[in-house]
Amino acid sequence: MDVEDRTKSQLTFRLMESAFMASFYFIKALSYLLPPAIIYRIPKAIGAIVFYARPGMRRRLEAKISDAMPEITDPREVSRIGRQACGSVFLPLFDLFILTRHGERYMRELRVERMEILEQADAEGRGVILTGPHIGGIGIIHAVMARLGKPYTPIVFNPKDTVMPRYVETMEFYGGMLGCDVEEPAFFVGEDIIPKIREHLSAGKRLGLTFDVDGNGIVEFFGRPAALASGLAHFSYDTGTPVVTFRLQHGKGPFDNLIKFQGLIFCDTSAERRSEVARIMREVVAYGEETIREVPGQWLCWFGLWQMWDKAREIMEQKDRKKG
């Protein structure tokens, strides 16, 4: 990329960041003026507009949903899921302000299922790795857990390493104010965090990270090999820390929310590393796919599914060429 292109790119991202910052403060102001039921409808409306205004994107999104869940044969249902998915992309910002303005009611009406899974993992005394897909209330789940008395430390991007540092810093700071592990609010990606995380888990603390992001771990996901982040399985193997899968999913209104713990996965540190990491990832992804199939319109990563599949194919082809 030459100097002129780099300058144009930087200007574009600055303009985008300014737009996102303006949206942040505009929505914050709206949260003081409008009732939560109206606030909750806004991202859905925005998602519907984006879905229908961009026919090319709509067709690709519907194709991804159909590829992943061929059992859904009704085109109207596929479109409904796609429309919901577009709205879900905008919802985390609105979640932030609903929890800020109406936190007591949010927690009072929150439903919690199978908390005993987390308590069993805690009882092991080796820390807990919490994981799940980017679904539902992913933007505030750390704050909700803190308010339940079960704080954990998420792994997040360092704002300075993103294309919109002011916006990312604002979101992370605001989210941390709603609730966090006060001793260790977050680990920043790329700051030599592996020793810190091992120490954190060895001290019996909780760590949170997702799996449905770009990585090099090959796992079957919606019937095909996908390249996913496998760091959580490596951390589990290094420390003997159990893994708990969970999610915060939305219901019909701003206060109809469910936090559900699904699975408890133990690591056999005496087993061969590669096979054990692969087993943990298979179980984690199986729980995650089960969650997505239950509420497919709330998954934020439909847009990257093909890339996960494509990268896995490229990795496997490279391995085959080396063997050949």
C-alpha atoms as a PDB file:
ATOM      1  CA  MET A   1       0.000   0.000   0.000  1.00  0.00           C
ATOM      2  CA  ASP A   2       1.524   3.351  -1.047  1.00  0.00           C
ATOM      3  CA  VAL A   3       1.492   6.550   1.024  1.00  0.00           C
ATOM      4  CA  GLU A   4      -1.563   7.990  -0.726  1.00  0.00           C
ATOM      5  CA  ASP A   5      -3.643   4.836  -0.221  1.00  0.00           C
ATOM      6  CA  ARG A   6      -2.535   4.593   3.403  1.00  0.00           C
ATOM      7  CA  THR A   7      -3.554   8.202   4.007  1.00  0.00           C
ATOM      8  CA  LYS A   8      -6.966   7.616   2.437  1.00  0.00           C
ATOM      9  CA  SER A   9      -7.452   4.491   4.522  1.00  0.00           C
ATOM     10  CA  GLN A  10      -6.540   6.317   7.727  1.00  0.00           C
ATOM     11  CA  LEU A  11      -8.924   9.144   6.863  1.00  0.00           C
ATOM     12  CA  THR A  12     -11.724   6.648   6.196  1.00  0.00           C
ATOM     13  CA  PHE A  13     -11.238   4.997   9.558  1.00  0.00           C
ATOM     14  CA  ARG A  14     -11.120   8.374  11.321  1.00  0.00           C
ATOM     15  CA  LEU A  15     -14.431   9.306   9.726  1.00  0.00           C
ATOM     16  CA  MET A  16     -15.886   5.927  10.701  1.00  0.00           C
ATOM     17  CA  GLU A  17     -14.654   6.357  14.252  1.00  0.00           C
ATOM     18  CA  SER A  18     -16.216   9.816  14.466  1.00  0.00           C
ATOM     19  CA  ALA A  19     -19.511   8.373  13.228  1.00  0.00           C
ATOM     20  CA  PHE A  20     -19.382   5.543  15.764  1.00  0.00           C
ATOM     21  CA  MET A  21     -18.543   7.948  18.583  1.00  0.00           C
ATOM     22  CA  ALA A  22     -21.431  10.199  17.586  1.00  0.00           C
ATOM     23  CA  SER A  23     -23.737   7.160  17.545  1.00  0.00           C
ATOM     24  CA  PHE A  24     -22.491   6.140  20.979  1.00  0.00           C
ATOM     25  CA  TYR A  25     -23.393   9.460  22.585  1.00  0.00           C
ATOM     26  CA  PHE A  26     -26.617   9.807  20.598  1.00  0.00           C
ATOM     27  CA  ILE A  27     -27.850   6.414  21.776  1.00  0.00           C
ATOM     28  CA  LYS A  28     -26.725   7.230  25.308  1.00  0.00           C
ATOM     29  CA  ALA A  29     -28.873  10.374  25.189  1.00  0.00           C
ATOM     30  CA  LEU A  30     -31.827   8.423  23.788  1.00  0.00           C
ATOM     31  CA  SER A  31     -31.605   5.994  26.695  1.00  0.00           C
ATOM     32  CA  TYR A  32     -32.467   8.887  29.017  1.00  0.00           C
ATOM     33  CA  LEU A  33     -35.366  10.070  26.856  1.00  0.00           C
ATOM     34  CA  LEU A  34     -37.083   6.911  25.610  1.00  0.00           C
ATOM     35  CA  PRO A  35     -38.515   3.918  27.478  1.00  0.00           C
ATOM     36  CA  PRO A  36     -36.443   0.716  27.257  1.00  0.00           C
ATOM     37  CA  ALA A  37     -39.059  -1.056  25.111  1.00  0.00           C
ATOM     38  CA  ILE A  38     -38.575   1.576  22.392  1.00  0.00           C
ATOM     39  CA  ILE A  39     -34.781   1.554  22.756  1.00  0.00           C
ATOM     40  CA  TYR A  40     -34.816  -2.224  22.307  1.00  0.00           C
ATOM     41  CA  ARG A  41     -36.661  -1.936  18.989  1.00  0.00           C
ATOM     42  CA  ILE A  42     -34.204   0.519  17.419  1.00  0.00           C
ATOM     43  CA  PRO A  43     -31.372  -1.947  16.627  1.00  0.00           C
ATOM     44  CA  LYS A  44     -33.895  -4.378  15.190  1.00  0.00           C
ATOM     45  CA  ALA A  45     -35.203  -1.651  12.908  1.00  0.00           C
ATOM     46  CA  ILE A  46     -31.667  -0.679  11.869  1.00  0.00           C
ATOM     47  CA  GLY A  47     -30.869  -4.331  11.160  1.00  0.00           C
ATOM     48  CA  ALA A  48     -33.963  -4.706   8.986  1.00  0.00           C
ATOM     49  CA  ILE A  49     -33.051  -1.585   7.003  1.00  0.00           C
ATOM     50  CA  VAL A  50     -29.502  -2.847   6.414  1.00  0.00           C
ATOM     51  CA  PHE A  51     -30.788  -6.313   5.513  1.00  0.00           C
ATOM     52  CA  TYR A  52     -33.154  -5.095   2.810  1.00  0.00           C
ATOM     53  CA  ALA A  53     -31.059  -2.138   1.606  1.00  0.00           C
ATOM     54  CA  ARG A  54     -28.118  -4.345   0.643  1.00  0.00           C
ATOM     55  CA  PRO A  55     -29.427  -7.173  -1.559  1.00  0.00           C
ATOM     56  CA  GLY A  56     -25.972  -8.622  -2.254  1.00  0.00           C
ATOM     57  CA  MET A  57     -25.161  -8.889   1.439  1.00  0.00           C
ATOM     58  CA  ARG A  58     -28.631 -10.295   2.100  1.00  0.00           C
ATOM     59  CA  ARG A  59     -28.201 -13.069  -0.468  1.00  0.00           C
ATOM     60  CA  ARG A  60     -24.767 -14.018   0.896  1.00  0.00           C
ATOM     61  CA  LEU A  61     -26.038 -14.056   4.473  1.00  0.00           C
ATOM     62  CA  GLU A  62     -29.011 -16.222   3.548  1.00  0.00           C
ATOM     63  CA  ALA A  63     -26.683 -18.570   1.672  1.00  0.00           C
ATOM     64  CA  LYS A  64     -24.451 -18.933   4.742  1.00  0.00           C
ATOM     65  CA  ILE A  65     -27.440 -19.719   6.958  1.00  0.00           C
ATOM     66  CA  SER A  66     -28.725 -22.278   4.464  1.00  0.00           C
ATOM     67  CA  ASP A  67     -25.284 -23.893   4.143  1.00  0.00           C
ATOM     68  CA  ALA A  68     -24.990 -24.216   7.925  1.00  0.00           C
ATOM     69  CA  MET A  69     -28.572 -25.359   8.574  1.00  0.00           C
ATOM     70  CA  PRO A  70     -29.873 -27.072   5.421  1.00  0.00           C
ATOM     71  CA  GLU A  71     -32.742 -28.490   7.449  1.00  0.00           C
ATOM     72  CA  ILE A  72     -34.367 -25.036   7.312  1.00  0.00           C
ATOM     73  CA  THR A  73     -36.060 -25.237   3.928  1.00  0.00           C
ATOM     74  CA  ASP A  74     -38.499 -22.338   4.232  1.00  0.00           C
ATOM     75  CA  PRO A  75     -36.919 -19.249   2.574  1.00  0.00           C
ATOM     76  CA  ARG A  76     -39.001 -16.998   4.820  1.00  0.00           C
ATOM     77  CA  GLU A  77     -37.473 -18.547   7.925  1.00  0.00           C
ATOM     78  CA  VAL A  78     -33.966 -18.145   6.501  1.00  0.00           C
ATOM     79  CA  SER A  79     -34.725 -14.471   5.804  1.00  0.00           C
ATOM     80  CA  ARG A  80     -36.115 -13.988   9.294  1.00  0.00           C
ATOM     81  CA  ILE A  81     -32.908 -15.368  10.825  1.00  0.00           C
ATOM     82  CA  GLY A  82     -30.798 -13.148   8.565  1.00  0.00           C
ATOM     83  CA  ARG A  83     -32.821 -10.069   9.464  1.00  0.00           C
ATOM     84  CA  GLN A  84     -32.469 -10.840  13.167  1.00  0.00           C
ATOM     85  CA  ALA A  85     -28.725 -11.416  12.757  1.00  0.00           C
ATOM     86  CA  CYS A  86     -28.311  -7.968  11.216  1.00  0.00           C
ATOM     87  CA  GLY A  87     -30.139  -6.419  14.164  1.00  0.00           C
ATOM     88  CA  SER A  88     -28.046  -8.420  16.631  1.00  0.00           C
ATOM     89  CA  VAL A  89     -24.889  -6.754  15.330  1.00  0.00           C
ATOM     90  CA  PHE A  90     -26.183  -3.392  16.613  1.00  0.00           C
ATOM     91  CA  LEU A  91     -27.760  -4.666  19.832  1.00  0.00           C
ATOM     92  CA  PRO A  92     -24.654  -4.834  22.105  1.00  0.00           C
ATOM     93  CA  LEU A  93     -24.385  -1.035  22.200  1.00  0.00           C
ATOM     94  CA  PHE A  94     -28.041  -0.728  23.211  1.00  0.00           C
ATOM     95  CA  ASP A  95     -27.586  -3.473  25.830  1.00  0.00           C
ATOM     96  CA  LEU A  96     -24.898  -1.331  27.396  1.00  0.00           C
ATOM     97  CA  PHE A  97     -27.255   1.563  28.028  1.00  0.00           C
ATOM     98  CA  ILE A  98     -30.233  -0.559  29.059  1.00  0.00           C
ATOM     99  CA  LEU A  99     -28.084  -2.151  31.763  1.00  0.00           C
ATOM    100  CA  THR A 100     -26.762   1.294  32.747  1.00  0.00           C
ATOM    101  CA  ARG A 101     -30.148   2.946  33.081  1.00  0.00           C
ATOM    102  CA  HIS A 102     -32.205  -0.002  34.310  1.00  0.00           C
ATOM    103  CA  GLY A 103     -29.649  -2.291  35.940  1.00  0.00           C
ATOM    104  CA  GLU A 104     -31.708  -3.203  38.993  1.00  0.00           C
ATOM    105  CA  ARG A 105     -34.710  -4.260  36.931  1.00  0.00           C
ATOM    106  CA  TYR A 106     -32.473  -6.079  34.423  1.00  0.00           C
ATOM    107  CA  MET A 107     -30.905  -8.193  37.172  1.00  0.00           C
ATOM    108  CA  ARG A 108     -34.204  -8.688  39.002  1.00  0.00           C
ATOM    109  CA  GLU A 109     -35.891 -10.143  35.919  1.00  0.00           C
ATOM    110  CA  LEU A 110     -32.841 -12.021  34.619  1.00  0.00           C
ATOM    111  CA  ARG A 111     -33.315 -15.787  34.516  1.00  0.00           C
ATOM    112  CA  VAL A 112     -30.349 -17.979  35.461  1.00  0.00           C
ATOM    113  CA  GLU A 113     -30.213 -21.680  34.622  1.00  0.00           C
ATOM    114  CA  ARG A 114     -27.790 -24.336  35.823  1.00  0.00           C
ATOM    115  CA  MET A 115     -25.542 -22.114  37.922  1.00  0.00           C
ATOM    116  CA  GLU A 116     -24.511 -25.312  39.696  1.00  0.00           C
ATOM    117  CA  ILE A 117     -22.257 -26.110  36.710  1.00  0.00           C
ATOM    118  CA  LEU A 118     -20.132 -23.036  37.413  1.00  0.00           C
ATOM    119  CA  GLU A 119     -20.185 -23.707  41.147  1.00  0.00           C
ATOM    120  CA  GLN A 120     -18.926 -27.251  40.535  1.00  0.00           C
ATOM    121  CA  ALA A 121     -16.079 -25.889  38.408  1.00  0.00           C
ATOM    122  CA  ASP A 122     -15.242 -23.272  41.053  1.00  0.00           C
ATOM    123  CA  ALA A 123     -15.102 -25.988  43.686  1.00  0.00           C
ATOM    124  CA  GLU A 124     -12.168 -27.610  41.870  1.00  0.00           C
ATOM    125  CA  GLY A 125     -10.023 -24.643  42.960  1.00  0.00           C
ATOM    126  CA  ARG A 126      -8.077 -24.458  39.700  1.00  0.00           C
ATOM    127  CA  GLY A 127      -9.824 -21.468  38.181  1.00  0.00           C
ATOM    128  CA  VAL A 128     -12.487 -21.543  35.481  1.00  0.00           C
ATOM    129  CA  ILE A 129     -12.390 -20.791  31.765  1.00  0.00           C
ATOM    130  CA  LEU A 130     -15.756 -19.435  30.631  1.00  0.00           C
ATOM    131  CA  THR A 131     -16.529 -19.578  26.932  1.00  0.00           C
ATOM    132  CA  GLY A 132     -19.319 -19.369  24.415  1.00  0.00           C
ATOM    133  CA  PRO A 133     -20.105 -17.957  20.979  1.00  0.00           C
ATOM    134  CA  HIS A 134     -20.657 -14.281  20.134  1.00  0.00           C
ATOM    135  CA  ILE A 135     -24.352 -14.420  20.818  1.00  0.00           C
ATOM    136  CA  GLY A 136     -27.054 -12.318  22.459  1.00  0.00           C
ATOM    137  CA  GLY A 137     -25.756 -10.118  25.252  1.00  0.00           C
ATOM    138  CA  ILE A 138     -22.077 -10.790  24.564  1.00  0.00           C
ATOM    139  CA  GLY A 139     -21.254  -7.113  25.117  1.00  0.00           C
ATOM    140  CA  ILE A 140     -22.453  -7.044  28.722  1.00  0.00           C
ATOM    141  CA  ILE A 141     -22.183 -10.656  29.862  1.00  0.00           C
ATOM    142  CA  HIS A 142     -19.036  -9.902  31.886  1.00  0.00           C
ATOM    143  CA  ALA A 143     -20.893  -7.126  33.737  1.00  0.00           C
ATOM    144  CA  VAL A 144     -23.928  -9.332  34.368  1.00  0.00           C
ATOM    145  CA  MET A 145     -21.683 -12.065  35.765  1.00  0.00           C
ATOM    146  CA  ALA A 146     -20.001  -9.538  38.061  1.00  0.00           C
ATOM    147  CA  ARG A 147     -23.393  -8.422  39.327  1.00  0.00           C
ATOM    148  CA  LEU A 148     -24.247 -12.058  40.010  1.00  0.00           C
ATOM    149  CA  GLY A 149     -21.152 -12.234  42.200  1.00  0.00           C
ATOM    150  CA  LYS A 150     -19.237 -14.354  39.664  1.00  0.00           C
ATOM    151  CA  PRO A 151     -16.820 -11.913  37.994  1.00  0.00           C
ATOM    152  CA  TYR A 152     -14.325 -13.034  35.401  1.00  0.00           C
ATOM    153  CA  THR A 153     -11.558 -11.419  33.370  1.00  0.00           C
ATOM    154  CA  PRO A 154     -12.173 -11.301  29.605  1.00  0.00           C
ATOM    155  CA  ILE A 155      -9.520 -11.233  26.915  1.00  0.00           C
ATOM    156  CA  VAL A 156     -10.116  -8.122  24.786  1.00  0.00           C
ATOM    157  CA  PHE A 157      -8.385  -6.146  22.061  1.00  0.00           C
ATOM    158  CA  ASN A 158      -6.084  -3.340  23.100  1.00  0.00           C
ATOM    159  CA  PRO A 159      -7.743  -0.182  21.737  1.00  0.00           C
ATOM    160  CA  LYS A 160      -4.455   1.135  20.340  1.00  0.00           C
ATOM    161  CA  ASP A 161      -4.171  -1.970  18.150  1.00  0.00           C
ATOM    162  CA  THR A 162      -7.557  -1.409  16.486  1.00  0.00           C
ATOM    163  CA  VAL A 163      -8.575   0.840  13.597  1.00  0.00           C
ATOM    164  CA  MET A 164     -10.922   2.814  15.887  1.00  0.00           C
ATOM    165  CA  PRO A 165      -9.014   3.166  19.174  1.00  0.00           C
ATOM    166  CA  ARG A 166     -11.151   5.934  20.717  1.00  0.00           C
ATOM    167  CA  TYR A 167     -14.378   4.060  20.114  1.00  0.00           C
ATOM    168  CA  VAL A 168     -13.044   0.706  21.326  1.00  0.00           C
ATOM    169  CA  GLU A 169     -11.536   2.334  24.430  1.00  0.00           C
ATOM    170  CA  THR A 170     -14.842   4.067  25.195  1.00  0.00           C
ATOM    171  CA  MET A 171     -16.821   0.834  24.816  1.00  0.00           C
ATOM    172  CA  GLU A 172     -14.407  -1.173  26.961  1.00  0.00           C
ATOM    173  CA  PHE A 173     -14.199   1.522  29.644  1.00  0.00           C
ATOM    174  CA  TYR A 174     -17.957   1.982  29.780  1.00  0.00           C
ATOM    175  CA  GLY A 175     -18.522  -1.784  29.837  1.00  0.00           C
ATOM    176  CA  GLY A 176     -16.010  -2.167  32.665  1.00  0.00           C
ATOM    177  CA  MET A 177     -17.809   0.463  34.721  1.00  0.00           C
ATOM    178  CA  LEU A 178     -20.970  -1.652  34.648  1.00  0.00           C
ATOM    179  CA  GLY A 179     -19.224  -4.530  36.385  1.00  0.00           C
ATOM    180  CA  CYS A 180     -15.944  -6.421  36.193  1.00  0.00           C
ATOM    181  CA  ASP A 181     -13.290  -8.254  38.159  1.00  0.00           C
ATOM    182  CA  VAL A 182     -11.875  -5.242  39.997  1.00  0.00           C
ATOM    183  CA  GLU A 183      -8.516  -6.952  40.587  1.00  0.00           C
ATOM    184  CA  GLU A 184      -7.999  -7.777  36.893  1.00  0.00           C
ATOM    185  CA  PRO A 185     -10.622  -6.088  34.663  1.00  0.00           C
ATOM    186  CA  ALA A 186      -9.249  -7.391  31.347  1.00  0.00           C
ATOM    187  CA  PHE A 187      -6.312  -8.949  29.524  1.00  0.00           C
ATOM    188  CA  PHE A 188      -5.264  -7.175  26.340  1.00  0.00           C
ATOM    189  CA  VAL A 189      -4.465  -9.299  23.302  1.00  0.00           C
ATOM    190  CA  GLY A 190      -0.847  -8.985  22.202  1.00  0.00           C
ATOM    191  CA  GLU A 191       0.710  -7.924  25.497  1.00  0.00           C
ATOM    192  CA  ASP A 192       2.472 -11.190  26.313  1.00  0.00           C
ATOM    193  CA  ILE A 193      -0.563 -12.271  28.290  1.00  0.00           C
ATOM    194  CA  ILE A 194       0.075 -16.028  28.340  1.00  0.00           C
ATOM    195  CA  PRO A 195       2.181 -16.020  31.559  1.00  0.00           C
ATOM    196  CA  LYS A 196      -0.309 -13.631  33.189  1.00  0.00           C
ATOM    197  CA  ILE A 197      -3.245 -15.854  32.261  1.00  0.00           C
ATOM    198  CA  ARG A 198      -1.536 -18.975  33.570  1.00  0.00           C
ATOM    199  CA  GLU A 199      -0.851 -17.195  36.851  1.00  0.00           C
ATOM    200  CA  HIS A 200      -4.426 -15.882  36.934  1.00  0.00           C
ATOM    201  CA  LEU A 201      -5.923 -19.365  36.505  1.00  0.00           C
ATOM    202  CA  SER A 202      -3.456 -20.994  38.886  1.00  0.00           C
ATOM    203  CA  ALA A 203      -4.691 -18.558  41.536  1.00  0.00           C
ATOM    204  CA  GLY A 204      -8.201 -19.999  41.114  1.00  0.00           C
ATOM    205  CA  LYS A 205      -9.658 -17.059  39.185  1.00  0.00           C
ATOM    206  CA  ARG A 206     -11.974 -16.989  36.178  1.00  0.00           C
ATOM    207  CA  LEU A 207     -11.096 -16.190  32.574  1.00  0.00           C
ATOM    208  CA  GLY A 208     -13.501 -15.454  29.719  1.00  0.00           C
ATOM    209  CA  LEU A 209     -12.939 -15.769  25.988  1.00  0.00           C
ATOM    210  CA  THR A 210     -14.832 -16.822  22.879  1.00  0.00           C
ATOM    211  CA  PHE A 211     -13.992 -19.520  20.350  1.00  0.00           C
ATOM    212  CA  ASP A 212     -15.848 -18.396  17.199  1.00  0.00           C
ATOM    213  CA  VAL A 213     -13.095 -16.121  15.912  1.00  0.00           C
ATOM    214  CA  ASP A 214     -10.317 -16.554  13.382  1.00  0.00           C
ATOM    215  CA  GLY A 215      -7.710 -19.089  14.497  1.00  0.00           C
ATOM    216  CA  ASN A 216      -5.662 -22.108  13.467  1.00  0.00           C
ATOM    217  CA  GLY A 217      -7.506 -24.848  15.329  1.00  0.00           C
ATOM    218  CA  ILE A 218      -9.415 -27.105  12.928  1.00  0.00           C
ATOM    219  CA  VAL A 219     -12.775 -28.197  14.368  1.00  0.00           C
ATOM    220  CA  GLU A 220     -15.973 -29.361  12.725  1.00  0.00           C
ATOM    221  CA  PHE A 221     -18.458 -26.513  12.874  1.00  0.00           C
ATOM    222  CA  PHE A 222     -21.873 -26.792  11.218  1.00  0.00           C
ATOM    223  CA  GLY A 223     -20.830 -29.927   9.400  1.00  0.00           C
ATOM    224  CA  ARG A 224     -17.548 -28.665   7.939  1.00  0.00           C
ATOM    225  CA  PRO A 225     -13.995 -28.116   9.201  1.00  0.00           C
ATOM    226  CA  ALA A 226     -13.569 -24.554  10.474  1.00  0.00           C
ATOM    227  CA  ALA A 227     -10.472 -22.636  11.584  1.00  0.00           C
ATOM    228  CA  LEU A 228     -11.251 -21.387  15.095  1.00  0.00           C
ATOM    229  CA  ALA A 229      -9.338 -19.952  18.040  1.00  0.00           C
ATOM    230  CA  SER A 230      -8.171 -22.803  20.274  1.00  0.00           C
ATOM    231  CA  GLY A 231      -6.405 -20.760  22.958  1.00  0.00           C
ATOM    232  CA  LEU A 232      -8.905 -21.727  25.643  1.00  0.00           C
ATOM    233  CA  ALA A 233      -8.078 -25.423  25.191  1.00  0.00           C
ATOM    234  CA  HIS A 234      -4.347 -24.747  25.444  1.00  0.00           C
ATOM    235  CA  PHE A 235      -4.850 -22.714  28.621  1.00  0.00           C
ATOM    236  CA  SER A 236      -6.916 -25.550  30.053  1.00  0.00           C
ATOM    237  CA  TYR A 237      -4.195 -28.077  29.241  1.00  0.00           C
ATOM    238  CA  ASP A 238      -1.414 -25.891  30.667  1.00  0.00           C
ATOM    239  CA  THR A 239      -3.164 -25.293  33.990  1.00  0.00           C
ATOM    240  CA  GLY A 240      -5.676 -28.136  34.396  1.00  0.00           C
ATOM    241  CA  THR A 241      -8.446 -25.542  34.516  1.00  0.00           C
ATOM    242  CA  PRO A 242     -11.978 -26.777  33.738  1.00  0.00           C
ATOM    243  CA  VAL A 243     -13.950 -25.122  30.938  1.00  0.00           C
ATOM    244  CA  VAL A 244     -17.557 -23.988  31.359  1.00  0.00           C
ATOM    245  CA  THR A 245     -19.709 -23.112  28.367  1.00  0.00           C
ATOM    246  CA  PHE A 246     -22.409 -20.483  28.819  1.00  0.00           C
ATOM    247  CA  ARG A 247     -24.362 -17.711  27.091  1.00  0.00           C
ATOM    248  CA  LEU A 248     -26.545 -14.672  27.727  1.00  0.00           C
ATOM    249  CA  GLN A 249     -29.440 -14.744  25.280  1.00  0.00           C
ATOM    250  CA  HIS A 250     -32.159 -12.212  24.615  1.00  0.00           C
ATOM    251  CA  GLY A 251     -35.857 -12.865  24.791  1.00  0.00           C
ATOM    252  CA  LYS A 252     -38.836 -10.875  23.551  1.00  0.00           C
ATOM    253  CA  GLY A 253     -38.127  -7.629  25.387  1.00  0.00           C
ATOM    254  CA  PRO A 254     -35.311  -5.672  27.035  1.00  0.00           C
ATOM    255  CA  PHE A 255     -35.764  -7.428  30.373  1.00  0.00           C
ATOM    256  CA  ASP A 256     -36.476 -10.933  29.075  1.00  0.00           C
ATOM    257  CA  ASN A 257     -32.957 -12.361  29.258  1.00  0.00           C
ATOM    258  CA  LEU A 258     -31.501 -15.743  30.136  1.00  0.00           C
ATOM    259  CA  ILE A 259     -28.006 -16.611  31.281  1.00  0.00           C
ATOM    260  CA  LYS A 260     -27.501 -20.331  30.925  1.00  0.00           C
ATOM    261  CA  PHE A 261     -24.578 -22.578  31.800  1.00  0.00           C
ATOM    262  CA  GLN A 262     -24.418 -25.612  29.529  1.00  0.00           C
ATOM    263  CA  GLY A 263     -21.388 -27.825  29.859  1.00  0.00           C
ATOM    264  CA  LEU A 264     -18.474 -28.564  32.168  1.00  0.00           C
ATOM    265  CA  ILE A 265     -15.374 -29.884  30.423  1.00  0.00           C
ATOM    266  CA  PHE A 266     -12.418 -31.247  32.370  1.00  0.00           C
ATOM    267  CA  CYS A 267      -8.934 -31.566  30.942  1.00  0.00           C
ATOM    268  CA  ASP A 268      -6.769 -34.658  31.290  1.00  0.00           C
ATOM    269  CA  THR A 269      -3.306 -33.115  31.520  1.00  0.00           C
ATOM    270  CA  SER A 270      -1.707 -36.573  31.426  1.00  0.00           C
ATOM    271  CA  ALA A 271      -3.002 -37.127  27.895  1.00  0.00           C
ATOM    272  CA  GLU A 272      -1.100 -36.166  24.750  1.00  0.00           C
ATOM    273  CA  ARG A 273      -1.434 -32.402  24.247  1.00  0.00           C
ATOM    274  CA  ARG A 274      -2.648 -32.328  20.639  1.00  0.00           C
ATOM    275  CA  SER A 275      -5.355 -34.942  21.113  1.00  0.00           C
ATOM    276  CA  GLU A 276      -6.588 -33.423  24.380  1.00  0.00           C
ATOM    277  CA  VAL A 277      -6.729 -29.894  22.961  1.00  0.00           C
ATOM    278  CA  ALA A 278      -8.661 -31.265  19.975  1.00  0.00           C
ATOM    279  CA  ARG A 279     -11.123 -33.080  22.274  1.00  0.00           C
ATOM    280  CA  ILE A 280     -11.758 -29.986  24.391  1.00  0.00           C
ATOM    281  CA  MET A 281     -12.361 -27.900  21.274  1.00  0.00           C
ATOM    282  CA  ARG A 282     -14.786 -30.475  19.841  1.00  0.00           C
ATOM    283  CA  GLU A 283     -16.848 -30.370  23.023  1.00  0.00           C
ATOM    284  CA  VAL A 284     -16.736 -26.577  23.293  1.00  0.00           C
ATOM    285  CA  VAL A 285     -17.769 -26.117  19.659  1.00  0.00           C
ATOM    286  CA  ALA A 286     -20.529 -28.723  19.993  1.00  0.00           C
ATOM    287  CA  TYR A 287     -22.036 -26.771  22.894  1.00  0.00           C
ATOM    288  CA  GLY A 288     -21.596 -23.537  20.967  1.00  0.00           C
ATOM    289  CA  GLU A 289     -23.278 -24.879  17.855  1.00  0.00           C
ATOM    290  CA  GLU A 290     -26.149 -26.150  19.986  1.00  0.00           C
ATOM    291  CA  THR A 291     -26.586 -22.619  21.340  1.00  0.00           C
ATOM    292  CA  ILE A 292     -26.510 -21.034  17.882  1.00  0.00           C
ATOM    293  CA  ARG A 293     -29.071 -23.503  16.549  1.00  0.00           C
ATOM    294  CA  GLU A 294     -31.407 -22.614  19.425  1.00  0.00           C
ATOM    295  CA  VAL A 295     -31.229 -18.846  18.733  1.00  0.00           C
ATOM    296  CA  PRO A 296     -29.618 -18.480  15.272  1.00  0.00           C
ATOM    297  CA  GLY A 297     -30.765 -14.899  14.791  1.00  0.00           C
ATOM    298  CA  GLN A 298     -28.695 -13.806  17.786  1.00  0.00           C
ATOM    299  CA  TRP A 299     -25.332 -15.048  16.491  1.00  0.00           C
ATOM    300  CA  LEU A 300     -23.094 -12.151  15.468  1.00  0.00           C
ATOM    301  CA  CYS A 301     -20.604 -14.215  13.443  1.00  0.00           C
ATOM    302  CA  TRP A 302     -22.723 -15.460  10.551  1.00  0.00           C
ATOM    303  CA  PHE A 303     -20.866 -12.969   8.388  1.00  0.00           C
ATOM    304  CA  GLY A 304     -17.525 -14.727   8.992  1.00  0.00           C
ATOM    305  CA  LEU A 305     -18.629 -18.362   8.725  1.00  0.00           C
ATOM    306  CA  TRP A 306     -17.438 -18.915   5.145  1.00  0.00           C
ATOM    307  CA  GLN A 307     -14.028 -17.453   6.025  1.00  0.00           C
ATOM    308  CA  MET A 308     -13.742 -19.944   8.905  1.00  0.00           C
ATOM    309  CA  TRP A 309     -14.475 -22.795   6.518  1.00  0.00           C
ATOM    310  CA  ASP A 310     -12.191 -21.448   3.767  1.00  0.00           C
ATOM    311  CA  LYS A 311      -9.245 -20.951   6.096  1.00  0.00           C
ATOM    312  CA  ALA A 312      -9.618 -24.482   7.454  1.00  0.00           C
ATOM    313  CA  ARG A 313      -9.550 -25.855   3.908  1.00  0.00           C
ATOM    314  CA  GLU A 314      -6.406 -23.829   3.124  1.00  0.00           C
ATOM    315  CA  ILE A 315      -4.663 -25.049   6.299  1.00  0.00           C
ATOM    316  CA  MET A 316      -5.512 -28.674   5.534  1.00  0.00           C
ATOM    317  CA  GLU A 317      -4.381 -28.321   1.924  1.00  0.00           C
ATOM    318  CA  GLN A 318      -1.052 -26.865   3.067  1.00  0.00           C
ATOM    319  CA  LYS A 319      -0.570 -29.794   5.463  1.00  0.00           C
ATOM    320  CA  ASP A 320      -1.353 -32.258   2.670  1.00  0.00           C
ATOM    321  CA  ARG A 321       1.182 -30.604   0.364  1.00  0.00           C
ATOM    322  CA  LYS A 322       3.858 -30.825   3.046  1.00  0.00           C
ATOM    323  CA  LYS A 323       3.112 -34.496   3.554  1.00  0.00           C
ATOM    324  CA  GLY A 324       3.216 -35.064  -0.195  1.00  0.00           C
END
